[in-house]
Amino acid sequence: FNADKHSDTQTGVLATNMFAYCNNNPVMFVDPTGEAMDYIVNLLNYIVKIIRSFLTLLTGSNNIKDYNAFLQALGEMESGNNYAAVNEYGCLGKYQFEEIALIECGFMNNDNSWSALANSYGVYTTDDFLASADAQEAAIRIYHKKVWNYIEYFNLNSYIGTSFYDISVTSSGLLAACHLVGVGAVAEMFKTNIIATDANGATATLYLKEFAGYDLSDLFNSVG
């Protein structure tokens, strides 16, 4: 009978007890590998994302599918449009920024300190960033333009108008998929026909489908 290899699964008080087998209820539950709770948490996160996407489709803002509507739907999928959200992997805010994304959009320096651009929005700490809707909305627009440049560099835009796993590839679906798993992973997915997923198990094909058909003209025509 060994200690759990996870020192803290962040699932409650019992999570810090490495000998609390099956959430301290070994009579009712069994978990030979010690990984069942990880699987359940990831599965629930994936289900929540799908439900949020479905609700977004049902309550769409008058069927106006411009870039602002795209961001609203993306934010709903990523965090429930919660600017203060932080997930278990340290992704930040409404759009669940990773550090590499914040570096790409110029809000973080390579040493992970907040940049002069971030400072111009009053962001000097992570808490400042989580408290600033303006900073996050500016960052996502810069980041998406960077992502689109990579999409064109890797010629992924050539897939627009084609079908992948019976999903019509659109510019907005492609951007959303790259937001989820990264441009490199999407490129590899198209090359190998193996569906890319994020750490929570959400698939790039889900984003290809759910975010299809938005007009990204406001993004492409924006300055910068």
Protein backbone atom coordinates (compact mmCIF):
# COMPACT_ATOMS: atom_id res chain seq x y z
CA PHE A 1 0.00 0.00 0.00
CA ASN A 2 1.91 3.01 -1.33
CA ALA A 3 1.43 6.75 -1.22
CA ASP A 4 -0.30 8.40 -4.16
CA LYS A 5 2.27 9.85 -6.57
CA HIS A 6 0.21 13.06 -6.76
CA SER A 7 1.06 15.16 -3.70
CA ASP A 8 -2.02 17.34 -4.17
CA THR A 9 -4.70 16.73 -6.78
CA GLN A 10 -6.45 20.02 -5.88
CA THR A 11 -9.77 18.22 -5.49
CA GLY A 12 -10.44 19.13 -1.87
CA VAL A 13 -9.06 18.67 1.62
CA LEU A 14 -8.49 14.94 1.15
CA ALA A 15 -6.34 15.64 -1.89
CA THR A 16 -3.35 16.42 0.32
CA ASN A 17 -3.52 13.02 2.04
CA MET A 18 -1.46 10.75 -0.22
CA PHE A 19 -2.81 7.64 1.53
CA ALA A 20 -6.50 8.56 1.21
CA TYR A 21 -7.35 5.80 -1.25
CA CYS A 22 -10.42 6.39 -3.50
CA ASN A 23 -11.19 9.74 -1.86
CA ASN A 24 -11.15 7.99 1.53
CA ASN A 25 -13.95 5.60 0.55
CA PRO A 26 -12.37 2.25 -0.41
CA VAL A 27 -15.55 0.33 0.45
CA MET A 28 -17.61 1.89 -2.31
CA PHE A 29 -14.89 2.63 -4.90
CA VAL A 30 -11.85 0.97 -6.42
CA ASP A 31 -8.94 2.63 -8.24
CA PRO A 32 -6.07 0.20 -8.92
CA THR A 33 -3.91 2.73 -10.80
CA GLY A 34 -4.60 5.81 -8.70
CA GLU A 35 -5.44 7.71 -11.90
CA ALA A 36 -9.24 7.43 -11.92
CA MET A 37 -9.85 10.87 -10.43
CA ASP A 38 -7.60 12.50 -13.06
CA TYR A 39 -9.60 10.79 -15.77
CA ILE A 40 -12.93 11.81 -14.24
CA VAL A 41 -11.88 15.46 -13.83
CA ASN A 42 -10.65 15.68 -17.43
CA LEU A 43 -13.82 14.00 -18.71
CA LEU A 44 -16.04 16.38 -16.77
CA ASN A 45 -14.10 19.38 -18.09
CA TYR A 46 -14.58 18.08 -21.62
CA ILE A 47 -18.34 17.59 -21.08
CA VAL A 48 -18.66 21.11 -19.64
CA LYS A 49 -16.97 22.53 -22.74
CA ILE A 50 -19.43 20.74 -25.02
CA ILE A 51 -22.43 21.92 -22.98
CA ARG A 52 -21.16 25.50 -22.99
CA SER A 53 -20.72 25.35 -26.75
CA PHE A 54 -24.26 23.99 -27.21
CA LEU A 55 -25.74 26.73 -25.01
CA THR A 56 -23.78 29.34 -26.93
CA LEU A 57 -25.31 28.09 -30.17
CA LEU A 58 -28.83 28.19 -28.67
CA THR A 59 -28.43 31.69 -27.24
CA GLY A 60 -26.33 33.25 -29.97
CA SER A 61 -26.50 37.04 -30.19
CA ASN A 62 -29.09 37.46 -32.97
CA ASN A 63 -27.11 35.15 -35.20
CA ILE A 64 -24.51 37.86 -35.85
CA LYS A 65 -21.37 35.83 -36.46
CA ASP A 66 -18.62 38.45 -36.60
CA TYR A 67 -15.26 38.38 -34.83
CA ASN A 68 -16.75 39.82 -31.63
CA ALA A 69 -19.33 37.02 -31.59
CA PHE A 70 -16.51 34.55 -32.22
CA LEU A 71 -14.64 35.86 -29.17
CA GLN A 72 -17.78 35.71 -27.04
CA ALA A 73 -18.37 32.09 -28.04
CA LEU A 74 -14.69 31.20 -27.57
CA GLY A 75 -14.63 32.81 -24.13
CA GLU A 76 -17.76 30.89 -23.17
CA MET A 77 -16.17 27.63 -24.26
CA GLU A 78 -12.84 28.30 -22.57
CA SER A 79 -13.92 29.74 -19.23
CA GLY A 80 -17.61 30.63 -19.17
CA ASN A 81 -16.47 34.16 -20.11
CA ASN A 82 -14.78 34.48 -16.72
CA TYR A 83 -11.89 36.95 -16.90
CA ALA A 84 -10.63 35.79 -13.48
CA ALA A 85 -10.51 32.09 -14.38
CA VAL A 86 -7.33 30.07 -13.77
CA ASN A 87 -7.33 26.37 -14.64
CA GLU A 88 -5.30 23.55 -13.10
CA TYR A 89 -2.54 24.06 -15.67
CA GLY A 90 -2.14 27.76 -14.90
CA CYS A 91 -3.94 29.04 -18.02
CA LEU A 92 -5.26 32.52 -17.39
CA GLY A 93 -8.43 34.45 -17.93
CA LYS A 94 -11.39 34.41 -20.27
CA TYR A 95 -9.40 32.89 -23.12
CA GLN A 96 -7.17 30.65 -20.97
CA PHE A 97 -3.84 32.14 -22.02
CA GLU A 98 -0.73 30.01 -21.59
CA GLU A 99 2.54 31.82 -20.89
CA ILE A 100 3.77 31.14 -24.44
CA ALA A 101 0.65 32.86 -25.82
CA LEU A 102 1.23 35.89 -23.60
CA ILE A 103 4.82 36.05 -24.84
CA GLU A 104 3.63 35.75 -28.46
CA CYS A 105 1.23 38.66 -28.07
CA GLY A 106 3.82 40.82 -26.31
CA PHE A 107 2.21 40.91 -22.90
CA MET A 108 5.01 38.89 -21.31
CA ASN A 109 8.76 39.03 -21.76
CA ASN A 110 10.80 35.89 -22.39
CA ASP A 111 11.63 35.73 -18.67
CA ASN A 112 7.86 35.60 -17.95
CA SER A 113 7.81 39.10 -16.49
CA TRP A 114 5.01 41.40 -17.60
CA SER A 115 6.03 43.60 -20.52
CA ALA A 116 5.79 47.33 -21.12
CA LEU A 117 2.72 46.66 -23.26
CA ALA A 118 1.07 44.89 -20.33
CA ASN A 119 2.11 47.73 -18.04
CA SER A 120 0.33 50.18 -20.37
CA TYR A 121 -2.89 48.36 -19.45
CA GLY A 122 -2.05 48.54 -15.75
CA VAL A 123 -0.86 44.93 -15.67
CA TYR A 124 2.16 44.32 -13.44
CA THR A 125 1.09 41.04 -11.87
CA THR A 126 -1.00 38.01 -12.76
CA ASP A 127 -3.78 39.32 -10.52
CA ASP A 128 -3.74 42.58 -12.49
CA PHE A 129 -4.15 40.65 -15.74
CA LEU A 130 -7.02 38.58 -14.36
CA ALA A 131 -8.73 41.77 -13.20
CA SER A 132 -8.41 43.57 -16.54
CA ALA A 133 -10.94 42.83 -19.27
CA ASP A 134 -9.32 45.49 -21.46
CA ALA A 135 -5.90 43.83 -21.24
CA GLN A 136 -7.28 40.39 -22.04
CA GLU A 137 -9.36 41.62 -24.98
CA ALA A 138 -6.36 43.48 -26.41
CA ALA A 139 -4.10 40.46 -25.88
CA ILE A 140 -6.43 38.00 -27.63
CA ARG A 141 -6.71 40.20 -30.71
CA ILE A 142 -2.95 40.55 -31.00
CA TYR A 143 -2.50 36.84 -30.36
CA HIS A 144 -5.03 35.79 -32.98
CA LYS A 145 -3.33 37.94 -35.60
CA LYS A 146 -0.05 36.22 -34.71
CA VAL A 147 -1.73 32.82 -34.92
CA TRP A 148 -3.19 33.67 -38.31
CA ASN A 149 0.28 34.66 -39.56
CA TYR A 150 1.50 31.21 -38.51
CA ILE A 151 -1.51 29.61 -40.20
CA GLU A 152 -0.52 31.28 -43.46
CA TYR A 153 3.16 30.51 -42.95
CA PHE A 154 2.40 26.79 -42.63
CA ASN A 155 -0.14 27.06 -45.48
CA LEU A 156 -2.93 25.73 -43.27
CA ASN A 157 -5.31 28.19 -44.91
CA SER A 158 -5.11 25.96 -47.98
CA TYR A 159 -7.40 23.54 -46.10
CA ILE A 160 -10.21 26.12 -45.97
CA GLY A 161 -13.11 24.84 -48.04
CA THR A 162 -12.04 21.22 -47.67
CA SER A 163 -13.54 18.58 -45.39
CA PHE A 164 -11.83 16.96 -42.42
CA TYR A 165 -13.64 14.14 -40.63
CA ASP A 166 -16.80 15.36 -42.41
CA ILE A 167 -16.30 18.86 -40.98
CA SER A 168 -16.10 21.77 -43.40
CA VAL A 169 -12.90 23.70 -42.65
CA THR A 170 -13.52 27.44 -42.33
CA SER A 171 -11.19 30.27 -41.38
CA SER A 172 -12.85 30.75 -37.99
CA GLY A 173 -12.93 27.04 -37.21
CA LEU A 174 -9.26 26.81 -38.15
CA LEU A 175 -8.38 29.75 -35.91
CA ALA A 176 -10.31 28.23 -33.00
CA ALA A 177 -8.64 24.84 -33.42
CA CYS A 178 -5.22 26.53 -33.42
CA HIS A 179 -6.21 28.50 -30.33
CA LEU A 180 -7.01 25.24 -28.57
CA VAL A 181 -4.01 23.06 -29.44
CA GLY A 182 -1.55 25.29 -31.32
CA VAL A 183 -0.74 25.74 -34.99
CA GLY A 184 1.88 22.98 -35.01
CA ALA A 185 -0.56 20.43 -33.59
CA VAL A 186 -3.21 21.35 -36.16
CA ALA A 187 -0.66 21.07 -38.97
CA GLU A 188 0.31 17.62 -37.70
CA MET A 189 -3.35 16.66 -37.41
CA PHE A 190 -4.04 17.48 -41.04
CA LYS A 191 -0.88 15.67 -42.09
CA THR A 192 -1.51 12.47 -40.15
CA ASN A 193 -5.32 12.45 -39.85
CA ILE A 194 -4.88 11.90 -36.10
CA ILE A 195 -7.17 14.23 -34.17
CA ALA A 196 -5.30 16.63 -31.87
CA THR A 197 -6.49 17.20 -28.29
CA ASP A 198 -5.65 19.58 -25.48
CA ALA A 199 -4.66 18.58 -21.94
CA ASN A 200 -8.33 18.24 -20.92
CA GLY A 201 -9.15 15.99 -23.86
CA ALA A 202 -11.04 18.60 -25.90
CA THR A 203 -10.54 17.90 -29.60
CA ALA A 204 -9.44 20.25 -32.34
CA THR A 205 -12.24 18.85 -34.49
CA LEU A 206 -14.80 20.01 -31.91
CA TYR A 207 -13.48 23.55 -32.31
CA LEU A 208 -13.30 23.22 -36.10
CA LYS A 209 -17.00 22.38 -36.09
CA GLU A 210 -18.41 24.59 -33.34
CA PHE A 211 -16.60 27.74 -34.45
CA ALA A 212 -17.18 27.37 -38.18
CA GLY A 213 -18.64 30.17 -40.24
CA TYR A 214 -17.72 33.29 -38.28
CA ASP A 215 -16.69 36.37 -40.26
CA LEU A 216 -13.14 37.31 -39.23
CA SER A 217 -12.99 40.51 -41.29
CA ASP A 218 -12.67 42.66 -38.16
CA LEU A 219 -9.59 40.67 -37.15
CA PHE A 220 -7.96 40.76 -40.58
CA ASN A 221 -8.71 44.47 -41.08
CA SER A 222 -7.55 45.60 -37.63
CA VAL A 223 -4.41 47.64 -37.33
CA GLY A 224 -1.25 45.90 -36.14
